[in-house]
Amino acid sequence: MYFARLARIRRNEAQDDLITLLARGTVDGERLTDDEVVFNCYSLILGGDETTRLAMISGVRALMEHPDQWRALKDGSVSLESATEEILRWTSPAIHVGRTATQDSVLHGEQIRAGDVVTSWTLSANFDEAEFDRPLRFDLARTPNRHLAFAYGPHFCIGAHLARIEISALLAGLRQLVGGIDEAGPALPIYSTFLRGFSSLPVRFHL
């Protein structure tokens, strides 16, 4: 409701913001409908908040569960860049994405018809032994790391750069300011068919 009202305002009163771009921009000469603007705003909220937050929470949990990797982060033997990519692969907050086939094709012997809805299981792909050496090992130094946490192709996540900056900033802060991490209460998982992670992870930081 908030976005719908804001979109109507932005159609008449342009501001220097993304909602104005959505509300007043055109695709093939046509403006987006109110519903299309709202759905895009909803997707931006999910990408800019939910998935990155879930990756950060699960990333901290992974560091607690793998003390060797915590030490590697602390002593600087792994870069923030490679550590960020491994947390994205390991946590895989978005479980799957849906796509519509644009043409007939055969994939691994399975017939896909134009118009079929195909589900790409990001979580499975990010642990594919054909792509990753020892995929069940949490390795902050992993390289190359061609995960699909941000999907691929024309629908590559618009917030990928921001997500990487946020996760890297968290890791930099932990490296510089925190000596150790302990759980301070039970982790509360989220229950979703689309997202994966924890809504809460109480921790205690030691200097």
C-alpha atoms as a PDB file:
ATOM      1  CA  MET A   1       0.000   0.000   0.000  1.00  0.00           C
ATOM      2  CA  TYR A   2       2.845   2.352   0.846  1.00  0.00           C
ATOM      3  CA  PHE A   3       4.610   1.752  -2.469  1.00  0.00           C
ATOM      4  CA  ALA A   4       1.364   2.068  -4.436  1.00  0.00           C
ATOM      5  CA  ARG A   5       0.709   5.479  -2.863  1.00  0.00           C
ATOM      6  CA  LEU A   6       4.314   6.571  -3.368  1.00  0.00           C
ATOM      7  CA  ALA A   7       4.257   5.482  -7.025  1.00  0.00           C
ATOM      8  CA  ARG A   8       1.172   7.626  -7.677  1.00  0.00           C
ATOM      9  CA  ILE A   9       2.903  10.615  -6.095  1.00  0.00           C
ATOM     10  CA  ARG A  10       6.095  10.070  -8.091  1.00  0.00           C
ATOM     11  CA  ARG A  11       4.214   9.930 -11.387  1.00  0.00           C
ATOM     12  CA  ASN A  12       3.284  13.586 -10.827  1.00  0.00           C
ATOM     13  CA  GLU A  13       6.171  14.808  -8.669  1.00  0.00           C
ATOM     14  CA  ALA A  14       9.535  13.483  -9.834  1.00  0.00           C
ATOM     15  CA  GLN A  15      12.273  12.963  -7.267  1.00  0.00           C
ATOM     16  CA  ASP A  16      15.865  11.789  -7.592  1.00  0.00           C
ATOM     17  CA  ASP A  17      15.074   8.221  -6.544  1.00  0.00           C
ATOM     18  CA  LEU A  18      14.517   4.747  -7.933  1.00  0.00           C
ATOM     19  CA  ILE A  19      10.732   4.822  -7.491  1.00  0.00           C
ATOM     20  CA  THR A  20      10.533   7.859  -9.762  1.00  0.00           C
ATOM     21  CA  LEU A  21      12.553   5.953 -12.359  1.00  0.00           C
ATOM     22  CA  LEU A  22      10.124   3.033 -12.144  1.00  0.00           C
ATOM     23  CA  ALA A  23       6.984   5.185 -12.066  1.00  0.00           C
ATOM     24  CA  ARG A  24       7.952   7.547 -14.918  1.00  0.00           C
ATOM     25  CA  GLY A  25      10.232   5.391 -17.069  1.00  0.00           C
ATOM     26  CA  THR A  26       9.039   3.467 -20.105  1.00  0.00           C
ATOM     27  CA  VAL A  27       9.625   0.002 -21.551  1.00  0.00           C
ATOM     28  CA  ASP A  28       9.049  -0.232 -25.322  1.00  0.00           C
ATOM     29  CA  GLY A  29       7.293   3.125 -25.133  1.00  0.00           C
ATOM     30  CA  GLU A  30       4.875   2.049 -22.394  1.00  0.00           C
ATOM     31  CA  ARG A  31       4.936   3.061 -18.746  1.00  0.00           C
ATOM     32  CA  LEU A  32       4.890   0.355 -16.084  1.00  0.00           C
ATOM     33  CA  THR A  33       1.520  -0.285 -14.476  1.00  0.00           C
ATOM     34  CA  ASP A  34       1.006   0.482 -10.800  1.00  0.00           C
ATOM     35  CA  ASP A  35       1.170  -3.252 -10.042  1.00  0.00           C
ATOM     36  CA  GLU A  36       4.452  -3.610 -11.942  1.00  0.00           C
ATOM     37  CA  VAL A  37       5.972  -0.707 -10.023  1.00  0.00           C
ATOM     38  CA  VAL A  38       4.869  -2.200  -6.687  1.00  0.00           C
ATOM     39  CA  PHE A  39       6.139  -5.691  -7.573  1.00  0.00           C
ATOM     40  CA  ASN A  40       9.527  -4.253  -8.572  1.00  0.00           C
ATOM     41  CA  CYS A  41       9.720  -2.288  -5.321  1.00  0.00           C
ATOM     42  CA  TYR A  42       8.935  -5.466  -3.384  1.00  0.00           C
ATOM     43  CA  SER A  43      11.736  -7.297  -5.195  1.00  0.00           C
ATOM     44  CA  LEU A  44      14.148  -4.487  -4.316  1.00  0.00           C
ATOM     45  CA  ILE A  45      13.238  -4.801  -0.632  1.00  0.00           C
ATOM     46  CA  LEU A  46      13.901  -8.553  -0.730  1.00  0.00           C
ATOM     47  CA  GLY A  47      17.219  -8.098  -2.527  1.00  0.00           C
ATOM     48  CA  GLY A  48      18.388  -5.105  -0.512  1.00  0.00           C
ATOM     49  CA  ASP A  49      17.491  -6.350   2.928  1.00  0.00           C
ATOM     50  CA  GLU A  50      16.275  -9.911   3.359  1.00  0.00           C
ATOM     51  CA  THR A  51      18.820 -11.935   1.394  1.00  0.00           C
ATOM     52  CA  THR A  52      21.888  -9.950   2.463  1.00  0.00           C
ATOM     53  CA  ARG A  53      20.819  -9.970   6.106  1.00  0.00           C
ATOM     54  CA  LEU A  54      20.280 -13.734   5.975  1.00  0.00           C
ATOM     55  CA  ALA A  55      23.703 -14.245   4.379  1.00  0.00           C
ATOM     56  CA  MET A  56      25.361 -12.168   7.105  1.00  0.00           C
ATOM     57  CA  ILE A  57      23.608 -14.007   9.945  1.00  0.00           C
ATOM     58  CA  SER A  58      24.394 -17.440   8.498  1.00  0.00           C
ATOM     59  CA  GLY A  59      27.932 -16.277   7.707  1.00  0.00           C
ATOM     60  CA  VAL A  60      28.580 -15.441  11.362  1.00  0.00           C
ATOM     61  CA  ARG A  61      27.157 -18.829  12.352  1.00  0.00           C
ATOM     62  CA  ALA A  62      29.456 -20.560   9.853  1.00  0.00           C
ATOM     63  CA  LEU A  63      32.462 -18.777  11.343  1.00  0.00           C
ATOM     64  CA  MET A  64      31.517 -20.019  14.804  1.00  0.00           C
ATOM     65  CA  GLU A  65      31.085 -23.573  13.503  1.00  0.00           C
ATOM     66  CA  HIS A  66      34.415 -23.530  11.641  1.00  0.00           C
ATOM     67  CA  PRO A  67      37.056 -22.112  14.010  1.00  0.00           C
ATOM     68  CA  ASP A  68      39.853 -22.761  11.497  1.00  0.00           C
ATOM     69  CA  GLN A  69      38.154 -20.406   9.041  1.00  0.00           C
ATOM     70  CA  TRP A  70      37.572 -17.845  11.779  1.00  0.00           C
ATOM     71  CA  ARG A  71      41.303 -17.909  12.524  1.00  0.00           C
ATOM     72  CA  ALA A  72      42.093 -17.548   8.809  1.00  0.00           C
ATOM     73  CA  LEU A  73      39.876 -14.461   8.651  1.00  0.00           C
ATOM     74  CA  LYS A  74      41.390 -13.015  11.823  1.00  0.00           C
ATOM     75  CA  ASP A  75      45.037 -13.487  10.849  1.00  0.00           C
ATOM     76  CA  GLY A  76      44.511 -12.108   7.359  1.00  0.00           C
ATOM     77  CA  SER A  77      45.481 -15.294   5.523  1.00  0.00           C
ATOM     78  CA  VAL A  78      42.277 -14.993   3.455  1.00  0.00           C
ATOM     79  CA  SER A  79      41.109 -11.886   1.646  1.00  0.00           C
ATOM     80  CA  LEU A  80      37.836 -10.165   2.417  1.00  0.00           C
ATOM     81  CA  GLU A  81      36.889 -10.645  -1.240  1.00  0.00           C
ATOM     82  CA  SER A  82      37.257 -14.437  -1.264  1.00  0.00           C
ATOM     83  CA  ALA A  83      35.675 -14.709   2.178  1.00  0.00           C
ATOM     84  CA  THR A  84      32.656 -12.717   0.990  1.00  0.00           C
ATOM     85  CA  GLU A  85      32.171 -14.958  -2.043  1.00  0.00           C
ATOM     86  CA  GLU A  86      32.377 -18.127   0.049  1.00  0.00           C
ATOM     87  CA  ILE A  87      29.798 -16.832   2.510  1.00  0.00           C
ATOM     88  CA  LEU A  88      27.488 -16.087  -0.418  1.00  0.00           C
ATOM     89  CA  ARG A  89      27.997 -19.609  -1.783  1.00  0.00           C
ATOM     90  CA  TRP A  90      27.749 -21.330   1.591  1.00  0.00           C
ATOM     91  CA  THR A  91      24.658 -19.523   2.866  1.00  0.00           C
ATOM     92  CA  SER A  92      22.733 -19.365  -0.466  1.00  0.00           C
ATOM     93  CA  PRO A  93      19.869 -17.300   1.012  1.00  0.00           C
ATOM     94  CA  ALA A  94      17.696 -17.484  -2.137  1.00  0.00           C
ATOM     95  CA  ILE A  95      16.898 -21.174  -2.554  1.00  0.00           C
ATOM     96  CA  HIS A  96      15.652 -21.059  -6.134  1.00  0.00           C
ATOM     97  CA  VAL A  97      14.604 -18.837  -9.023  1.00  0.00           C
ATOM     98  CA  GLY A  98      11.959 -19.413 -11.664  1.00  0.00           C
ATOM     99  CA  ARG A  99      12.429 -18.849 -15.372  1.00  0.00           C
ATOM    100  CA  THR A 100      10.240 -19.286 -18.455  1.00  0.00           C
ATOM    101  CA  ALA A 101      11.833 -21.117 -21.387  1.00  0.00           C
ATOM    102  CA  THR A 102      11.840 -18.974 -24.525  1.00  0.00           C
ATOM    103  CA  GLN A 103      12.500 -21.856 -26.915  1.00  0.00           C
ATOM    104  CA  ASP A 104      12.437 -25.626 -27.073  1.00  0.00           C
ATOM    105  CA  SER A 105      15.587 -27.227 -25.733  1.00  0.00           C
ATOM    106  CA  VAL A 106      16.969 -30.411 -24.218  1.00  0.00           C
ATOM    107  CA  LEU A 107      18.950 -30.237 -20.961  1.00  0.00           C
ATOM    108  CA  HIS A 108      20.644 -33.383 -19.645  1.00  0.00           C
ATOM    109  CA  GLY A 109      18.236 -35.494 -21.662  1.00  0.00           C
ATOM    110  CA  GLU A 110      15.129 -33.689 -20.407  1.00  0.00           C
ATOM    111  CA  GLN A 111      12.848 -31.994 -22.941  1.00  0.00           C
ATOM    112  CA  ILE A 112      11.963 -28.384 -22.133  1.00  0.00           C
ATOM    113  CA  ARG A 113       9.275 -26.707 -24.238  1.00  0.00           C
ATOM    114  CA  ALA A 114       9.009 -23.008 -24.989  1.00  0.00           C
ATOM    115  CA  GLY A 115       6.738 -21.519 -22.340  1.00  0.00           C
ATOM    116  CA  ASP A 116       7.598 -24.107 -19.684  1.00  0.00           C
ATOM    117  CA  VAL A 117       8.358 -22.693 -16.244  1.00  0.00           C
ATOM    118  CA  VAL A 118      11.742 -23.979 -15.119  1.00  0.00           C
ATOM    119  CA  THR A 119      13.046 -23.856 -11.553  1.00  0.00           C
ATOM    120  CA  SER A 120      16.760 -23.287 -11.044  1.00  0.00           C
ATOM    121  CA  TRP A 121      17.775 -24.584  -7.611  1.00  0.00           C
ATOM    122  CA  THR A 122      20.468 -22.119  -6.550  1.00  0.00           C
ATOM    123  CA  LEU A 123      21.096 -23.955  -3.303  1.00  0.00           C
ATOM    124  CA  SER A 124      21.871 -27.189  -5.132  1.00  0.00           C
ATOM    125  CA  ALA A 125      23.997 -25.472  -7.784  1.00  0.00           C
ATOM    126  CA  ASN A 126      26.168 -23.796  -5.160  1.00  0.00           C
ATOM    127  CA  PHE A 127      27.116 -27.216  -3.775  1.00  0.00           C
ATOM    128  CA  ASP A 128      27.565 -28.943  -7.138  1.00  0.00           C
ATOM    129  CA  GLU A 129      30.572 -31.267  -6.999  1.00  0.00           C
ATOM    130  CA  ALA A 130      30.992 -30.876 -10.766  1.00  0.00           C
ATOM    131  CA  GLU A 131      31.778 -27.185 -10.211  1.00  0.00           C
ATOM    132  CA  PHE A 132      33.288 -26.985  -6.724  1.00  0.00           C
ATOM    133  CA  ASP A 133      36.165 -28.919  -5.219  1.00  0.00           C
ATOM    134  CA  ARG A 134      34.957 -30.374  -1.901  1.00  0.00           C
ATOM    135  CA  PRO A 135      31.717 -28.344  -1.985  1.00  0.00           C
ATOM    136  CA  LEU A 136      30.736 -29.373   1.558  1.00  0.00           C
ATOM    137  CA  ARG A 137      33.844 -27.688   2.948  1.00  0.00           C
ATOM    138  CA  PHE A 138      33.504 -24.084   4.129  1.00  0.00           C
ATOM    139  CA  ASP A 139      36.652 -22.504   2.691  1.00  0.00           C
ATOM    140  CA  LEU A 140      37.080 -18.728   2.836  1.00  0.00           C
ATOM    141  CA  ALA A 141      40.070 -18.960   0.482  1.00  0.00           C
ATOM    142  CA  ARG A 142      38.063 -20.804  -2.214  1.00  0.00           C
ATOM    143  CA  THR A 143      38.943 -19.661  -5.723  1.00  0.00           C
ATOM    144  CA  PRO A 144      37.549 -19.719  -8.292  1.00  0.00           C
ATOM    145  CA  ASN A 145      34.120 -19.474  -6.758  1.00  0.00           C
ATOM    146  CA  ARG A 146      31.506 -19.326  -9.513  1.00  0.00           C
ATOM    147  CA  HIS A 147      28.453 -19.481  -7.273  1.00  0.00           C
ATOM    148  CA  LEU A 148      24.969 -18.506  -8.387  1.00  0.00           C
ATOM    149  CA  ALA A 149      23.887 -16.585  -5.290  1.00  0.00           C
ATOM    150  CA  PHE A 150      23.030 -13.625  -7.535  1.00  0.00           C
ATOM    151  CA  ALA A 151      21.591 -15.761 -10.365  1.00  0.00           C
ATOM    152  CA  TYR A 152      23.034 -15.311 -13.856  1.00  0.00           C
ATOM    153  CA  GLY A 153      22.395 -13.570 -17.152  1.00  0.00           C
ATOM    154  CA  PRO A 154      19.820 -10.820 -17.799  1.00  0.00           C
ATOM    155  CA  HIS A 155      18.278 -11.316 -14.340  1.00  0.00           C
ATOM    156  CA  PHE A 156      21.573 -11.012 -12.431  1.00  0.00           C
ATOM    157  CA  CYS A 157      20.831  -9.423  -9.051  1.00  0.00           C
ATOM    158  CA  ILE A 158      20.763  -5.625  -9.293  1.00  0.00           C
ATOM    159  CA  GLY A 159      21.928  -5.407  -5.662  1.00  0.00           C
ATOM    160  CA  ALA A 160      24.966  -7.702  -6.014  1.00  0.00           C
ATOM    161  CA  HIS A 161      27.528  -4.934  -5.562  1.00  0.00           C
ATOM    162  CA  LEU A 162      25.784  -3.538  -2.487  1.00  0.00           C
ATOM    163  CA  ALA A 163      25.437  -7.013  -0.954  1.00  0.00           C
ATOM    164  CA  ARG A 164      29.150  -7.671  -1.423  1.00  0.00           C
ATOM    165  CA  ILE A 165      30.030  -4.316   0.159  1.00  0.00           C
ATOM    166  CA  GLU A 166      27.795  -5.009   3.176  1.00  0.00           C
ATOM    167  CA  ILE A 167      29.121  -8.526   3.776  1.00  0.00           C
ATOM    168  CA  SER A 168      32.717  -7.372   3.300  1.00  0.00           C
ATOM    169  CA  ALA A 169      32.169  -4.527   5.791  1.00  0.00           C
ATOM    170  CA  LEU A 170      30.828  -7.017   8.347  1.00  0.00           C
ATOM    171  CA  LEU A 171      33.854  -9.277   7.884  1.00  0.00           C
ATOM    172  CA  ALA A 172      36.243  -6.321   8.135  1.00  0.00           C
ATOM    173  CA  GLY A 173      34.590  -5.240  11.393  1.00  0.00           C
ATOM    174  CA  LEU A 174      34.791  -8.759  12.843  1.00  0.00           C
ATOM    175  CA  ARG A 175      38.450  -9.039  11.834  1.00  0.00           C
ATOM    176  CA  GLN A 176      39.409  -5.708  13.371  1.00  0.00           C
ATOM    177  CA  LEU A 177      37.225  -5.515  16.468  1.00  0.00           C
ATOM    178  CA  VAL A 178      36.247  -9.010  17.609  1.00  0.00           C
ATOM    179  CA  GLY A 179      38.480 -11.583  19.265  1.00  0.00           C
ATOM    180  CA  GLY A 180      35.946 -14.382  19.509  1.00  0.00           C
ATOM    181  CA  ILE A 181      32.272 -15.206  18.995  1.00  0.00           C
ATOM    182  CA  ASP A 182      30.034 -17.439  21.106  1.00  0.00           C
ATOM    183  CA  GLU A 183      26.365 -18.281  20.772  1.00  0.00           C
ATOM    184  CA  ALA A 184      24.273 -16.491  23.375  1.00  0.00           C
ATOM    185  CA  GLY A 185      20.986 -18.224  22.650  1.00  0.00           C
ATOM    186  CA  PRO A 186      19.221 -20.522  20.183  1.00  0.00           C
ATOM    187  CA  ALA A 187      19.185 -19.631  16.509  1.00  0.00           C
ATOM    188  CA  LEU A 188      15.668 -19.107  15.158  1.00  0.00           C
ATOM    189  CA  PRO A 189      15.286 -20.412  11.595  1.00  0.00           C
ATOM    190  CA  ILE A 190      12.945 -18.829   9.100  1.00  0.00           C
ATOM    191  CA  TYR A 191      10.315 -21.047   7.504  1.00  0.00           C
ATOM    192  CA  SER A 192      10.063 -20.276   3.820  1.00  0.00           C
ATOM    193  CA  THR A 193       9.851 -22.047   0.468  1.00  0.00           C
ATOM    194  CA  PHE A 194      12.010 -19.333  -1.093  1.00  0.00           C
ATOM    195  CA  LEU A 195      14.498 -18.025   1.485  1.00  0.00           C
ATOM    196  CA  ARG A 196      16.940 -19.857   3.757  1.00  0.00           C
ATOM    197  CA  GLY A 197      18.560 -18.750   6.996  1.00  0.00           C
ATOM    198  CA  PHE A 198      17.828 -17.458  10.481  1.00  0.00           C
ATOM    199  CA  SER A 199      15.642 -14.628  11.702  1.00  0.00           C
ATOM    200  CA  SER A 200      17.679 -14.368  14.898  1.00  0.00           C
ATOM    201  CA  LEU A 201      21.114 -15.506  16.057  1.00  0.00           C
ATOM    202  CA  PRO A 202      22.034 -14.208  19.532  1.00  0.00           C
ATOM    203  CA  VAL A 203      25.826 -14.017  19.867  1.00  0.00           C
ATOM    204  CA  ARG A 204      28.369 -12.736  22.358  1.00  0.00           C
ATOM    205  CA  PHE A 205      31.450 -10.920  21.013  1.00  0.00           C
ATOM    206  CA  HIS A 206      34.737 -11.065  22.892  1.00  0.00           C
ATOM    207  CA  LEU A 207      37.459  -8.465  22.494  1.00  0.00           C
END
